[in-house]
Amino acid sequence: MKVLYTTSARSDHNGRDGGRSGTVDGHFSVKLDLPKELGGAGGPGTNPEQLFATGYAACFMGALRFVAGKEKVALPEDASVTATVGIGPRDDGAGFGLDVALAVALPGIEHARAEDLVAKAHIVCPYSEATRKNLDVRLSVV
């Protein structure tokens, strides 16, 4: 693979429980807090699952735009991707796993055509490729 872009991020020693994470170049920085559901205080900071959901939604929209462009389909201005990410103990008891669902809204595009575009975007999207065979990503057109 020919790498076209690289970035690096760092998290401090507190990690997801009151720590800070951000890009090494300083373009992005965020305070982290552990949600109450995971035993934390549920402070105002974000968490890795929110960051993953945000990244996946943006990446999938990029893949969808790429596929639609190749097929000469104009995406509506109000098109959106909502990524829902859950975390919990794995069934094998050895650690934690993620649960991911992507809900894609393509108003004005016939449902079957929208489903086809979403399926093709799932092949193109690097986040989808990274998760393939590791977790089941549920896709829906809403």
C-alpha atoms as a PDB file:
ATOM      1  CA  MET A   1       0.000   0.000   0.000  1.00  0.00           C
ATOM      2  CA  LYS A   2       1.265   3.453  -0.885  1.00  0.00           C
ATOM      3  CA  VAL A   3       0.615   5.699   2.140  1.00  0.00           C
ATOM      4  CA  LEU A   4      -0.732   9.113   1.091  1.00  0.00           C
ATOM      5  CA  TYR A   5      -1.165  10.696   4.538  1.00  0.00           C
ATOM      6  CA  THR A   6       0.078   9.916   8.034  1.00  0.00           C
ATOM      7  CA  THR A   7      -0.823  11.408  11.412  1.00  0.00           C
ATOM      8  CA  SER A   8       0.074  10.611  15.001  1.00  0.00           C
ATOM      9  CA  ALA A   9      -1.813  11.082  18.247  1.00  0.00           C
ATOM     10  CA  ARG A  10      -0.728  10.711  21.843  1.00  0.00           C
ATOM     11  CA  SER A  11      -2.610  10.067  25.070  1.00  0.00           C
ATOM     12  CA  ASP A  12      -1.226  10.917  28.518  1.00  0.00           C
ATOM     13  CA  HIS A  13      -0.854   8.512  31.449  1.00  0.00           C
ATOM     14  CA  ASN A  14      -4.474   8.963  32.619  1.00  0.00           C
ATOM     15  CA  GLY A  15      -5.838   7.787  29.269  1.00  0.00           C
ATOM     16  CA  ARG A  16      -9.607   7.521  29.073  1.00  0.00           C
ATOM     17  CA  ASP A  17     -10.074   8.330  32.768  1.00  0.00           C
ATOM     18  CA  GLY A  18      -9.435  12.079  33.038  1.00  0.00           C
ATOM     19  CA  GLY A  19      -6.562  12.212  30.592  1.00  0.00           C
ATOM     20  CA  ARG A  20      -5.872  14.192  27.458  1.00  0.00           C
ATOM     21  CA  SER A  21      -5.330  12.937  23.945  1.00  0.00           C
ATOM     22  CA  GLY A  22      -4.473  14.799  20.811  1.00  0.00           C
ATOM     23  CA  THR A  23      -2.514  14.899  17.624  1.00  0.00           C
ATOM     24  CA  VAL A  24       1.225  15.324  17.883  1.00  0.00           C
ATOM     25  CA  ASP A  25       1.059  18.327  15.518  1.00  0.00           C
ATOM     26  CA  GLY A  26      -1.315  20.117  17.925  1.00  0.00           C
ATOM     27  CA  HIS A  27      -4.249  20.454  15.501  1.00  0.00           C
ATOM     28  CA  PHE A  28      -6.595  18.470  17.750  1.00  0.00           C
ATOM     29  CA  SER A  29      -6.725  18.016  21.518  1.00  0.00           C
ATOM     30  CA  VAL A  30      -9.444  16.601  23.728  1.00  0.00           C
ATOM     31  CA  LYS A  31     -10.059  15.945  27.421  1.00  0.00           C
ATOM     32  CA  LEU A  32     -11.136  12.386  28.134  1.00  0.00           C
ATOM     33  CA  ASP A  33     -13.564  11.149  30.776  1.00  0.00           C
ATOM     34  CA  LEU A  34     -14.760   7.652  31.588  1.00  0.00           C
ATOM     35  CA  PRO A  35     -18.556   7.249  31.210  1.00  0.00           C
ATOM     36  CA  LYS A  36     -20.563   6.253  34.299  1.00  0.00           C
ATOM     37  CA  GLU A  37     -21.584   3.047  32.498  1.00  0.00           C
ATOM     38  CA  LEU A  38     -17.926   1.997  32.564  1.00  0.00           C
ATOM     39  CA  GLY A  39     -17.348   2.947  36.195  1.00  0.00           C
ATOM     40  CA  GLY A  40     -16.234   6.553  35.709  1.00  0.00           C
ATOM     41  CA  ALA A  41     -17.548   9.860  36.933  1.00  0.00           C
ATOM     42  CA  GLY A  42     -19.131  10.653  33.560  1.00  0.00           C
ATOM     43  CA  GLY A  43     -17.463  14.044  33.328  1.00  0.00           C
ATOM     44  CA  PRO A  44     -17.763  16.485  30.426  1.00  0.00           C
ATOM     45  CA  GLY A  45     -14.870  15.005  28.460  1.00  0.00           C
ATOM     46  CA  THR A  46     -15.207  12.717  25.487  1.00  0.00           C
ATOM     47  CA  ASN A  47     -14.196   9.070  25.265  1.00  0.00           C
ATOM     48  CA  PRO A  48     -12.542   6.781  22.710  1.00  0.00           C
ATOM     49  CA  GLU A  49     -15.889   5.324  21.598  1.00  0.00           C
ATOM     50  CA  GLN A  50     -17.186   8.800  20.736  1.00  0.00           C
ATOM     51  CA  LEU A  51     -13.993   9.538  18.838  1.00  0.00           C
ATOM     52  CA  PHE A  52     -14.231   6.231  16.961  1.00  0.00           C
ATOM     53  CA  ALA A  53     -17.891   6.875  16.095  1.00  0.00           C
ATOM     54  CA  THR A  54     -17.061  10.376  14.848  1.00  0.00           C
ATOM     55  CA  GLY A  55     -14.148   9.149  12.745  1.00  0.00           C
ATOM     56  CA  TYR A  56     -16.087   6.220  11.313  1.00  0.00           C
ATOM     57  CA  ALA A  57     -19.085   8.406  10.387  1.00  0.00           C
ATOM     58  CA  ALA A  58     -16.847  10.943   8.628  1.00  0.00           C
ATOM     59  CA  CYS A  59     -14.781   8.279   6.877  1.00  0.00           C
ATOM     60  CA  PHE A  60     -17.875   6.387   5.718  1.00  0.00           C
ATOM     61  CA  MET A  61     -19.392   9.593   4.326  1.00  0.00           C
ATOM     62  CA  GLY A  62     -16.148  10.149   2.410  1.00  0.00           C
ATOM     63  CA  ALA A  63     -16.347   6.616   1.011  1.00  0.00           C
ATOM     64  CA  LEU A  64     -20.002   7.160   0.086  1.00  0.00           C
ATOM     65  CA  ARG A  65     -19.135  10.403  -1.725  1.00  0.00           C
ATOM     66  CA  PHE A  66     -16.337   8.579  -3.570  1.00  0.00           C
ATOM     67  CA  VAL A  67     -18.643   5.740  -4.681  1.00  0.00           C
ATOM     68  CA  ALA A  68     -21.454   8.131  -5.652  1.00  0.00           C
ATOM     69  CA  GLY A  69     -18.997  10.199  -7.686  1.00  0.00           C
ATOM     70  CA  LYS A  70     -17.751   7.159  -9.568  1.00  0.00           C
ATOM     71  CA  GLU A  71     -21.344   6.199 -10.345  1.00  0.00           C
ATOM     72  CA  LYS A  72     -22.333   9.778 -11.206  1.00  0.00           C
ATOM     73  CA  VAL A  73     -24.969   9.938  -8.453  1.00  0.00           C
ATOM     74  CA  ALA A  74     -25.466  13.312  -6.784  1.00  0.00           C
ATOM     75  CA  LEU A  75     -25.763  12.925  -3.034  1.00  0.00           C
ATOM     76  CA  PRO A  76     -28.367  15.170  -1.413  1.00  0.00           C
ATOM     77  CA  GLU A  77     -27.160  18.090   0.697  1.00  0.00           C
ATOM     78  CA  ASP A  78     -28.831  16.549   3.749  1.00  0.00           C
ATOM     79  CA  ALA A  79     -27.162  13.144   3.359  1.00  0.00           C
ATOM     80  CA  SER A  80     -25.718  11.885   6.646  1.00  0.00           C
ATOM     81  CA  VAL A  81     -24.048   8.944   8.335  1.00  0.00           C
ATOM     82  CA  THR A  82     -24.696   8.215  12.004  1.00  0.00           C
ATOM     83  CA  ALA A  83     -22.252   5.776  13.603  1.00  0.00           C
ATOM     84  CA  THR A  84     -23.361   4.199  16.867  1.00  0.00           C
ATOM     85  CA  VAL A  85     -20.566   2.547  18.833  1.00  0.00           C
ATOM     86  CA  GLY A  86     -21.005   0.445  21.953  1.00  0.00           C
ATOM     87  CA  ILE A  87     -18.414  -1.182  24.203  1.00  0.00           C
ATOM     88  CA  GLY A  88     -18.723  -4.124  26.539  1.00  0.00           C
ATOM     89  CA  PRO A  89     -17.060  -7.304  27.725  1.00  0.00           C
ATOM     90  CA  ARG A  90     -16.378  -9.879  25.041  1.00  0.00           C
ATOM     91  CA  ASP A  91     -18.151 -13.222  25.264  1.00  0.00           C
ATOM     92  CA  ASP A  92     -14.800 -14.976  25.749  1.00  0.00           C
ATOM     93  CA  GLY A  93     -14.205 -12.952  28.937  1.00  0.00           C
ATOM     94  CA  ALA A  94     -10.705 -11.976  27.810  1.00  0.00           C
ATOM     95  CA  GLY A  95     -11.304  -8.266  27.289  1.00  0.00           C
ATOM     96  CA  PHE A  96     -13.611  -5.753  25.693  1.00  0.00           C
ATOM     97  CA  GLY A  97     -15.193  -5.496  22.258  1.00  0.00           C
ATOM     98  CA  LEU A  98     -17.023  -2.956  20.168  1.00  0.00           C
ATOM     99  CA  ASP A  99     -20.492  -3.008  18.658  1.00  0.00           C
ATOM    100  CA  VAL A 100     -20.994  -0.784  15.597  1.00  0.00           C
ATOM    101  CA  ALA A 101     -24.016   0.267  13.552  1.00  0.00           C
ATOM    102  CA  LEU A 102     -24.019   2.730  10.656  1.00  0.00           C
ATOM    103  CA  ALA A 103     -27.300   4.426   9.734  1.00  0.00           C
ATOM    104  CA  VAL A 104     -27.134   6.233   6.391  1.00  0.00           C
ATOM    105  CA  ALA A 105     -29.683   8.829   5.320  1.00  0.00           C
ATOM    106  CA  LEU A 106     -29.875   9.550   1.589  1.00  0.00           C
ATOM    107  CA  PRO A 107     -33.124  11.500   1.175  1.00  0.00           C
ATOM    108  CA  GLY A 108     -34.461  11.520  -2.360  1.00  0.00           C
ATOM    109  CA  ILE A 109     -32.479   8.476  -3.504  1.00  0.00           C
ATOM    110  CA  GLU A 110     -34.533   5.359  -4.212  1.00  0.00           C
ATOM    111  CA  HIS A 111     -34.086   2.874  -1.316  1.00  0.00           C
ATOM    112  CA  ALA A 112     -32.593  -0.003  -3.334  1.00  0.00           C
ATOM    113  CA  ARG A 113     -30.131   2.404  -5.013  1.00  0.00           C
ATOM    114  CA  ALA A 114     -29.200   3.845  -1.619  1.00  0.00           C
ATOM    115  CA  GLU A 115     -28.586   0.344  -0.221  1.00  0.00           C
ATOM    116  CA  ASP A 116     -26.338  -0.439  -3.202  1.00  0.00           C
ATOM    117  CA  LEU A 117     -24.297   2.740  -2.650  1.00  0.00           C
ATOM    118  CA  VAL A 118     -23.965   1.967   1.069  1.00  0.00           C
ATOM    119  CA  ALA A 119     -22.819  -1.611   0.386  1.00  0.00           C
ATOM    120  CA  LYS A 120     -20.190  -0.327  -2.064  1.00  0.00           C
ATOM    121  CA  ALA A 121     -19.044   2.372   0.370  1.00  0.00           C
ATOM    122  CA  HIS A 122     -18.603  -0.356   3.001  1.00  0.00           C
ATOM    123  CA  ILE A 123     -16.096  -2.023   0.672  1.00  0.00           C
ATOM    124  CA  VAL A 124     -14.232   1.255   0.003  1.00  0.00           C
ATOM    125  CA  CYS A 125     -14.154   2.743   3.532  1.00  0.00           C
ATOM    126  CA  PRO A 126     -10.824   2.201   5.355  1.00  0.00           C
ATOM    127  CA  TYR A 127     -12.592   1.988   8.744  1.00  0.00           C
ATOM    128  CA  SER A 128     -14.835  -0.749   7.358  1.00  0.00           C
ATOM    129  CA  GLU A 129     -11.785  -2.545   6.005  1.00  0.00           C
ATOM    130  CA  ALA A 130     -10.011  -2.258   9.361  1.00  0.00           C
ATOM    131  CA  THR A 131     -12.990  -3.732  11.232  1.00  0.00           C
ATOM    132  CA  ARG A 132     -13.843  -6.431   8.683  1.00  0.00           C
ATOM    133  CA  LYS A 133     -13.564  -9.914  10.227  1.00  0.00           C
ATOM    134  CA  ASN A 134     -13.049  -8.281  13.648  1.00  0.00           C
ATOM    135  CA  LEU A 135     -16.575  -7.078  14.373  1.00  0.00           C
ATOM    136  CA  ASP A 136     -19.936  -7.117  12.727  1.00  0.00           C
ATOM    137  CA  VAL A 137     -20.842  -3.647  11.440  1.00  0.00           C
ATOM    138  CA  ARG A 138     -24.580  -3.361  10.901  1.00  0.00           C
ATOM    139  CA  LEU A 139     -25.570  -1.159   7.955  1.00  0.00           C
ATOM    140  CA  SER A 140     -28.960   0.444   7.439  1.00  0.00           C
ATOM    141  CA  VAL A 141     -30.468   2.997   5.106  1.00  0.00           C
ATOM    142  CA  VAL A 142     -32.863   5.215   7.030  1.00  0.00           C
END
